[in-house]
């Protein structure tokens, strides 16, 4: 499983990455997490608002920080 956090490096983007990392650690999930800051890559992925999170190429949330419970549900 590949989880991608999209964002240019703002505080909300870092918080989104932190939430996802904490949930992965809590669940001891072995998913690979990557951070994408390149605007062209974000546009190619269909990201219109940041922060955004995609799992295996499917955008799960865009334009806001996901809640821990949401991330847990995506990984279940």
PDB file of N, CA and C in Angstrom:
ATOM      1  N   UNK A   1       0.854  -1.176   0.000  1.00  0.00           N
ATOM      2  CA  UNK A   1       0.000   0.000   0.000  1.00  0.00           C
ATOM      3  C   UNK A   1       0.897   1.235   0.000  1.00  0.00           C
ATOM      4  N   UNK A   2       0.556   2.191  -0.863  1.00  0.00           N
ATOM      5  CA  UNK A   2       1.295   3.438  -0.962  1.00  0.00           C
ATOM      6  C   UNK A   2       0.379   4.587  -0.556  1.00  0.00           C
ATOM      7  N   UNK A   3       0.796   5.329   0.462  1.00  0.00           N
ATOM      8  CA  UNK A   3       0.063   6.505   0.917  1.00  0.00           C
ATOM      9  C   UNK A   3       0.879   7.726   0.519  1.00  0.00           C
ATOM     10  N   UNK A   4       0.227   8.657  -0.181  1.00  0.00           N
ATOM     11  CA  UNK A   4       0.906   9.855  -0.645  1.00  0.00           C
ATOM     12  C   UNK A   4       0.259  11.074  -0.013  1.00  0.00           C
ATOM     13  N   UNK A   5       1.092  11.912   0.606  1.00  0.00           N
ATOM     14  CA  UNK A   5       0.629  13.184   1.164  1.00  0.00           C
ATOM     15  C   UNK A   5       1.116  14.273   0.213  1.00  0.00           C
ATOM     16  N   UNK A   6       0.170  15.038  -0.326  1.00  0.00           N
ATOM     17  CA  UNK A   6       0.487  16.121  -1.253  1.00  0.00           C
ATOM     18  C   UNK A   6       0.404  17.459  -0.534  1.00  0.00           C
ATOM     19  N   UNK A   7       1.404  18.305  -0.742  1.00  0.00           N
ATOM     20  CA  UNK A   7       1.390  19.634  -0.157  1.00  0.00           C
ATOM     21  C   UNK A   7       2.717  20.331  -0.363  1.00  0.00           C
ATOM     22  N   UNK A   8       2.690  21.652  -0.501  1.00  0.00           N
ATOM     23  CA  UNK A   8       3.912  22.393  -0.795  1.00  0.00           C
ATOM     24  C   UNK A   8       4.840  22.589   0.398  1.00  0.00           C
ATOM     25  N   UNK A   9       4.384  22.274   1.594  1.00  0.00           N
ATOM     26  CA  UNK A   9       5.245  22.434   2.760  1.00  0.00           C
ATOM     27  C   UNK A   9       4.689  23.379   3.794  1.00  0.00           C
ATOM     28  N   UNK A  10       3.405  23.650   3.727  1.00  0.00           N
ATOM     29  CA  UNK A  10       2.772  24.541   4.707  1.00  0.00           C
ATOM     30  C   UNK A  10       2.540  23.794   6.021  1.00  0.00           C
ATOM     31  N   UNK A  11       2.154  24.507   7.046  1.00  0.00           N
ATOM     32  CA  UNK A  11       1.919  23.900   8.358  1.00  0.00           C
ATOM     33  C   UNK A  11       0.819  22.843   8.300  1.00  0.00           C
ATOM     34  N   UNK A  12      -0.230  23.100   7.525  1.00  0.00           N
ATOM     35  CA  UNK A  12      -1.320  22.125   7.402  1.00  0.00           C
ATOM     36  C   UNK A  12      -0.845  20.846   6.714  1.00  0.00           C
ATOM     37  N   UNK A  13       0.062  20.987   5.775  1.00  0.00           N
ATOM     38  CA  UNK A  13       0.609  19.820   5.079  1.00  0.00           C
ATOM     39  C   UNK A  13       1.457  18.974   6.030  1.00  0.00           C
ATOM     40  N   UNK A  14       2.282  19.638   6.839  1.00  0.00           N
ATOM     41  CA  UNK A  14       3.081  18.909   7.822  1.00  0.00           C
ATOM     42  C   UNK A  14       2.197  18.234   8.862  1.00  0.00           C
ATOM     43  N   UNK A  15       1.117  18.877   9.262  1.00  0.00           N
ATOM     44  CA  UNK A  15       0.190  18.276  10.229  1.00  0.00           C
ATOM     45  C   UNK A  15      -0.493  17.054   9.626  1.00  0.00           C
ATOM     46  N   UNK A  16      -0.849  17.133   8.363  1.00  0.00           N
ATOM     47  CA  UNK A  16      -1.467  15.982   7.686  1.00  0.00           C
ATOM     48  C   UNK A  16      -0.504  14.804   7.663  1.00  0.00           C
ATOM     49  N   UNK A  17       0.743  15.064   7.321  1.00  0.00           N
ATOM     50  CA  UNK A  17       1.742  13.999   7.305  1.00  0.00           C
ATOM     51  C   UNK A  17       1.919  13.416   8.712  1.00  0.00           C
ATOM     52  N   UNK A  18       1.936  14.266   9.727  1.00  0.00           N
ATOM     53  CA  UNK A  18       2.097  13.807  11.109  1.00  0.00           C
ATOM     54  C   UNK A  18       0.927  12.904  11.519  1.00  0.00           C
ATOM     55  N   UNK A  19      -0.293  13.294  11.180  1.00  0.00           N
ATOM     56  CA  UNK A  19      -1.477  12.492  11.524  1.00  0.00           C
ATOM     57  C   UNK A  19      -1.373  11.112  10.878  1.00  0.00           C
ATOM     58  N   UNK A  20      -1.036  11.071   9.592  1.00  0.00           N
ATOM     59  CA  UNK A  20      -0.939   9.790   8.882  1.00  0.00           C
ATOM     60  C   UNK A  20       0.172   8.935   9.484  1.00  0.00           C
ATOM     61  N   UNK A  21       1.337   9.526   9.746  1.00  0.00           N
ATOM     62  CA  UNK A  21       2.450   8.763  10.345  1.00  0.00           C
ATOM     63  C   UNK A  21       2.072   8.192  11.710  1.00  0.00           C
ATOM     64  N   UNK A  22       1.399   9.005  12.536  1.00  0.00           N
ATOM     65  CA  UNK A  22       1.013   8.544  13.866  1.00  0.00           C
ATOM     66  C   UNK A  22       0.031   7.378  13.794  1.00  0.00           C
ATOM     67  N   UNK A  23      -0.919   7.448  12.886  1.00  0.00           N
ATOM     68  CA  UNK A  23      -1.878   6.349  12.741  1.00  0.00           C
ATOM     69  C   UNK A  23      -1.175   5.094  12.239  1.00  0.00           C
ATOM     70  N   UNK A  24      -0.271   5.243  11.274  1.00  0.00           N
ATOM     71  CA  UNK A  24       0.492   4.084  10.794  1.00  0.00           C
ATOM     72  C   UNK A  24       1.280   3.439  11.925  1.00  0.00           C
ATOM     73  N   UNK A  25       1.907   4.251  12.757  1.00  0.00           N
ATOM     74  CA  UNK A  25       2.681   3.721  13.883  1.00  0.00           C
ATOM     75  C   UNK A  25       1.771   3.058  14.906  1.00  0.00           C
ATOM     76  N   UNK A  26       0.647   3.697  15.193  1.00  0.00           N
ATOM     77  CA  UNK A  26      -0.287   3.151  16.174  1.00  0.00           C
ATOM     78  C   UNK A  26      -0.825   1.795  15.741  1.00  0.00           C
ATOM     79  N   UNK A  27      -1.139   1.660  14.457  1.00  0.00           N
ATOM     80  CA  UNK A  27      -1.690   0.402  13.939  1.00  0.00           C
ATOM     81  C   UNK A  27      -0.601  -0.583  13.532  1.00  0.00           C
ATOM     82  N   UNK A  28       0.651  -0.149  13.612  1.00  0.00           N
ATOM     83  CA  UNK A  28       1.793  -0.951  13.173  1.00  0.00           C
ATOM     84  C   UNK A  28       1.583  -1.431  11.737  1.00  0.00           C
ATOM     85  N   UNK A  29       1.121  -0.508  10.905  1.00  0.00           N
ATOM     86  CA  UNK A  29       0.840  -0.799   9.499  1.00  0.00           C
ATOM     87  C   UNK A  29       2.126  -0.637   8.696  1.00  0.00           C
ATOM     88  N   UNK A  30       2.340  -1.484   7.714  1.00  0.00           N
ATOM     89  CA  UNK A  30       3.584  -1.444   6.946  1.00  0.00           C
ATOM     90  C   UNK A  30       3.457  -0.684   5.618  1.00  0.00           C
ATOM     91  N   UNK A  31       2.480   0.182   5.508  1.00  0.00           N
ATOM     92  CA  UNK A  31       2.304   0.966   4.285  1.00  0.00           C
ATOM     93  C   UNK A  31       3.493   1.899   4.072  1.00  0.00           C
ATOM     94  N   UNK A  32       3.775   2.178   2.811  1.00  0.00           N
ATOM     95  CA  UNK A  32       4.854   3.109   2.460  1.00  0.00           C
ATOM     96  C   UNK A  32       4.247   4.504   2.368  1.00  0.00           C
ATOM     97  N   UNK A  33       4.864   5.483   3.039  1.00  0.00           N
ATOM     98  CA  UNK A  33       4.378   6.855   3.046  1.00  0.00           C
ATOM     99  C   UNK A  33       5.350   7.737   2.283  1.00  0.00           C
ATOM    100  N   UNK A  34       4.818   8.508   1.332  1.00  0.00           N
ATOM    101  CA  UNK A  34       5.657   9.453   0.603  1.00  0.00           C
ATOM    102  C   UNK A  34       5.027  10.827   0.641  1.00  0.00           C
ATOM    103  N   UNK A  35       5.874  11.851   0.563  1.00  0.00           N
ATOM    104  CA  UNK A  35       5.433  13.256   0.575  1.00  0.00           C
ATOM    105  C   UNK A  35       5.774  13.846  -0.773  1.00  0.00           C
ATOM    106  N   UNK A  36       4.793  14.473  -1.429  1.00  0.00           N
ATOM    107  CA  UNK A  36       4.998  15.093  -2.730  1.00  0.00           C
ATOM    108  C   UNK A  36       4.795  16.596  -2.586  1.00  0.00           C
ATOM    109  N   UNK A  37       5.829  17.363  -2.945  1.00  0.00           N
ATOM    110  CA  UNK A  37       5.751  18.822  -2.843  1.00  0.00           C
ATOM    111  C   UNK A  37       5.795  19.500  -4.208  1.00  0.00           C
ATOM    112  N   UNK A  38       6.005  18.736  -5.269  1.00  0.00           N
ATOM    113  CA  UNK A  38       6.119  19.277  -6.618  1.00  0.00           C
ATOM    114  C   UNK A  38       4.731  19.596  -7.184  1.00  0.00           C
ATOM    115  N   UNK A  39       4.546  20.846  -7.601  1.00  0.00           N
ATOM    116  CA  UNK A  39       3.240  21.291  -8.095  1.00  0.00           C
ATOM    117  C   UNK A  39       2.803  20.539  -9.352  1.00  0.00           C
ATOM    118  N   UNK A  40       3.736  20.221 -10.228  1.00  0.00           N
ATOM    119  CA  UNK A  40       3.389  19.486 -11.447  1.00  0.00           C
ATOM    120  C   UNK A  40       2.915  18.075 -11.112  1.00  0.00           C
ATOM    121  N   UNK A  41       3.565  17.439 -10.156  1.00  0.00           N
ATOM    122  CA  UNK A  41       3.155  16.096  -9.740  1.00  0.00           C
ATOM    123  C   UNK A  41       1.779  16.132  -9.077  1.00  0.00           C
ATOM    124  N   UNK A  42       1.518  17.188  -8.306  1.00  0.00           N
ATOM    125  CA  UNK A  42       0.200  17.330  -7.671  1.00  0.00           C
ATOM    126  C   UNK A  42      -0.882  17.496  -8.736  1.00  0.00           C
ATOM    127  N   UNK A  43      -0.612  18.341  -9.715  1.00  0.00           N
ATOM    128  CA  UNK A  43      -1.584  18.556 -10.787  1.00  0.00           C
ATOM    129  C   UNK A  43      -1.819  17.276 -11.583  1.00  0.00           C
ATOM    130  N   UNK A  44      -0.760  16.536 -11.851  1.00  0.00           N
ATOM    131  CA  UNK A  44      -0.877  15.279 -12.594  1.00  0.00           C
ATOM    132  C   UNK A  44      -1.712  14.253 -11.835  1.00  0.00           C
ATOM    133  N   UNK A  45      -1.667  14.322 -10.503  1.00  0.00           N
ATOM    134  CA  UNK A  45      -2.433  13.390  -9.671  1.00  0.00           C
ATOM    135  C   UNK A  45      -3.885  13.845  -9.499  1.00  0.00           C
ATOM    136  N   UNK A  46      -4.197  15.054  -9.958  1.00  0.00           N
ATOM    137  CA  UNK A  46      -5.558  15.558  -9.838  1.00  0.00           C
ATOM    138  C   UNK A  46      -5.841  16.287  -8.543  1.00  0.00           C
ATOM    139  N   UNK A  47      -4.791  16.679  -7.843  1.00  0.00           N
ATOM    140  CA  UNK A  47      -4.948  17.396  -6.575  1.00  0.00           C
ATOM    141  C   UNK A  47      -5.254  18.860  -6.886  1.00  0.00           C
ATOM    142  N   UNK A  48      -6.415  19.340  -6.426  1.00  0.00           N
ATOM    143  CA  UNK A  48      -6.824  20.723  -6.664  1.00  0.00           C
ATOM    144  C   UNK A  48      -6.629  21.597  -5.438  1.00  0.00           C
ATOM    145  N   UNK A  49      -6.597  20.993  -4.256  1.00  0.00           N
ATOM    146  CA  UNK A  49      -6.405  21.740  -3.010  1.00  0.00           C
ATOM    147  C   UNK A  49      -5.524  20.917  -2.087  1.00  0.00           C
ATOM    148  N   UNK A  50      -4.658  21.604  -1.361  1.00  0.00           N
ATOM    149  CA  UNK A  50      -3.773  20.914  -0.425  1.00  0.00           C
ATOM    150  C   UNK A  50      -4.130  21.306   0.997  1.00  0.00           C
ATOM    151  N   UNK A  51      -3.817  20.479   1.967  1.00  0.00           N
ATOM    152  CA  UNK A  51      -3.166  19.184   1.817  1.00  0.00           C
ATOM    153  C   UNK A  51      -4.123  18.148   1.244  1.00  0.00           C
ATOM    154  N   UNK A  52      -3.546  17.119   0.664  1.00  0.00           N
ATOM    155  CA  UNK A  52      -4.336  16.022   0.114  1.00  0.00           C
ATOM    156  C   UNK A  52      -3.644  14.711   0.458  1.00  0.00           C
ATOM    157  N   UNK A  53      -4.440  13.659   0.562  1.00  0.00           N
ATOM    158  CA  UNK A  53      -3.910  12.331   0.842  1.00  0.00           C
ATOM    159  C   UNK A  53      -4.503  11.361  -0.174  1.00  0.00           C
ATOM    160  N   UNK A  54      -3.634  10.542  -0.756  1.00  0.00           N
ATOM    161  CA  UNK A  54      -4.073   9.506  -1.689  1.00  0.00           C
ATOM    162  C   UNK A  54      -3.557   8.160  -1.201  1.00  0.00           C
ATOM    163  N   UNK A  55      -4.367   7.143  -1.416  1.00  0.00           N
ATOM    164  CA  UNK A  55      -3.951   5.771  -1.107  1.00  0.00           C
ATOM    165  C   UNK A  55      -4.005   4.990  -2.402  1.00  0.00           C
ATOM    166  N   UNK A  56      -2.853   4.459  -2.789  1.00  0.00           N
ATOM    167  CA  UNK A  56      -2.709   3.730  -4.049  1.00  0.00           C
ATOM    168  C   UNK A  56      -3.271   4.519  -5.222  1.00  0.00           C
ATOM    169  N   UNK A  57      -3.022   5.835  -5.240  1.00  0.00           N
ATOM    170  CA  UNK A  57      -3.415   6.679  -6.347  1.00  0.00           C
ATOM    171  C   UNK A  57      -4.822   7.237  -6.288  1.00  0.00           C
ATOM    172  N   UNK A  58      -5.604   6.846  -5.282  1.00  0.00           N
ATOM    173  CA  UNK A  58      -6.977   7.332  -5.128  1.00  0.00           C
ATOM    174  C   UNK A  58      -7.006   8.407  -4.054  1.00  0.00           C
ATOM    175  N   UNK A  59      -7.418   9.622  -4.435  1.00  0.00           N
ATOM    176  CA  UNK A  59      -7.450  10.728  -3.479  1.00  0.00           C
ATOM    177  C   UNK A  59      -8.566  10.488  -2.464  1.00  0.00           C
ATOM    178  N   UNK A  60      -8.194  10.487  -1.190  1.00  0.00           N
ATOM    179  CA  UNK A  60      -9.138  10.246  -0.104  1.00  0.00           C
ATOM    180  C   UNK A  60      -9.624  11.538   0.523  1.00  0.00           C
ATOM    181  N   UNK A  61      -8.776  12.552   0.567  1.00  0.00           N
ATOM    182  CA  UNK A  61      -9.151  13.844   1.152  1.00  0.00           C
ATOM    183  C   UNK A  61      -8.315  14.922   0.478  1.00  0.00           C
ATOM    184  N   UNK A  62      -8.920  16.096   0.318  1.00  0.00           N
ATOM    185  CA  UNK A  62      -8.221  17.205  -0.305  1.00  0.00           C
ATOM    186  C   UNK A  62      -8.719  18.516   0.289  1.00  0.00           C
ATOM    187  N   UNK A  63      -7.788  19.393   0.616  1.00  0.00           N
ATOM    188  CA  UNK A  63      -8.148  20.710   1.115  1.00  0.00           C
ATOM    189  C   UNK A  63      -8.335  20.819   2.612  1.00  0.00           C
ATOM    190  N   UNK A  64      -8.072  19.743   3.330  1.00  0.00           N
ATOM    191  CA  UNK A  64      -8.196  19.786   4.784  1.00  0.00           C
ATOM    192  C   UNK A  64      -7.346  18.692   5.410  1.00  0.00           C
ATOM    193  N   UNK A  65      -7.144  18.816   6.720  1.00  0.00           N
ATOM    194  CA  UNK A  65      -6.390  17.814   7.480  1.00  0.00           C
ATOM    195  C   UNK A  65      -7.348  16.694   7.852  1.00  0.00           C
ATOM    196  N   UNK A  66      -7.027  15.445   7.513  1.00  0.00           N
ATOM    197  CA  UNK A  66      -7.932  14.346   7.873  1.00  0.00           C
ATOM    198  C   UNK A  66      -7.899  14.064   9.373  1.00  0.00           C
ATOM    199  N   UNK A  67      -9.005  13.577   9.874  1.00  0.00           N
ATOM    200  CA  UNK A  67      -9.079  13.166  11.272  1.00  0.00           C
ATOM    201  C   UNK A  67      -8.462  11.778  11.414  1.00  0.00           C
ATOM    202  N   UNK A  68      -7.955  11.488  12.603  1.00  0.00           N
ATOM    203  CA  UNK A  68      -7.329  10.186  12.869  1.00  0.00           C
ATOM    204  C   UNK A  68      -8.266   9.032  12.529  1.00  0.00           C
ATOM    205  N   UNK A  69      -9.551   9.193  12.882  1.00  0.00           N
ATOM    206  CA  UNK A  69     -10.521   8.132  12.634  1.00  0.00           C
ATOM    207  C   UNK A  69     -10.689   7.866  11.140  1.00  0.00           C
ATOM    208  N   UNK A  70     -10.618   8.927  10.332  1.00  0.00           N
ATOM    209  CA  UNK A  70     -10.714   8.757   8.879  1.00  0.00           C
ATOM    210  C   UNK A  70      -9.551   7.929   8.359  1.00  0.00           C
ATOM    211  N   UNK A  71      -8.354   8.272   8.790  1.00  0.00           N
ATOM    212  CA  UNK A  71      -7.166   7.561   8.333  1.00  0.00           C
ATOM    213  C   UNK A  71      -7.252   6.097   8.755  1.00  0.00           C
ATOM    214  N   UNK A  72      -7.695   5.840   9.977  1.00  0.00           N
ATOM    215  CA  UNK A  72      -7.847   4.457  10.439  1.00  0.00           C
ATOM    216  C   UNK A  72      -8.828   3.707   9.558  1.00  0.00           C
ATOM    217  N   UNK A  73      -9.930   4.345   9.189  1.00  0.00           N
ATOM    218  CA  UNK A  73     -10.935   3.690   8.329  1.00  0.00           C
ATOM    219  C   UNK A  73     -10.360   3.374   6.945  1.00  0.00           C
ATOM    220  N   UNK A  74      -9.529   4.264   6.411  1.00  0.00           N
ATOM    221  CA  UNK A  74      -8.931   4.006   5.105  1.00  0.00           C
ATOM    222  C   UNK A  74      -8.017   2.792   5.147  1.00  0.00           C
ATOM    223  N   UNK A  75      -7.359   2.588   6.282  1.00  0.00           N
ATOM    224  CA  UNK A  75      -6.389   1.502   6.404  1.00  0.00           C
ATOM    225  C   UNK A  75      -7.022   0.177   6.796  1.00  0.00           C
ATOM    226  N   UNK A  76      -8.269   0.212   7.218  1.00  0.00           N
ATOM    227  CA  UNK A  76      -8.939  -1.025   7.664  1.00  0.00           C
ATOM    228  C   UNK A  76      -9.268  -1.937   6.503  1.00  0.00           C
TER     229      UNK A  76
END
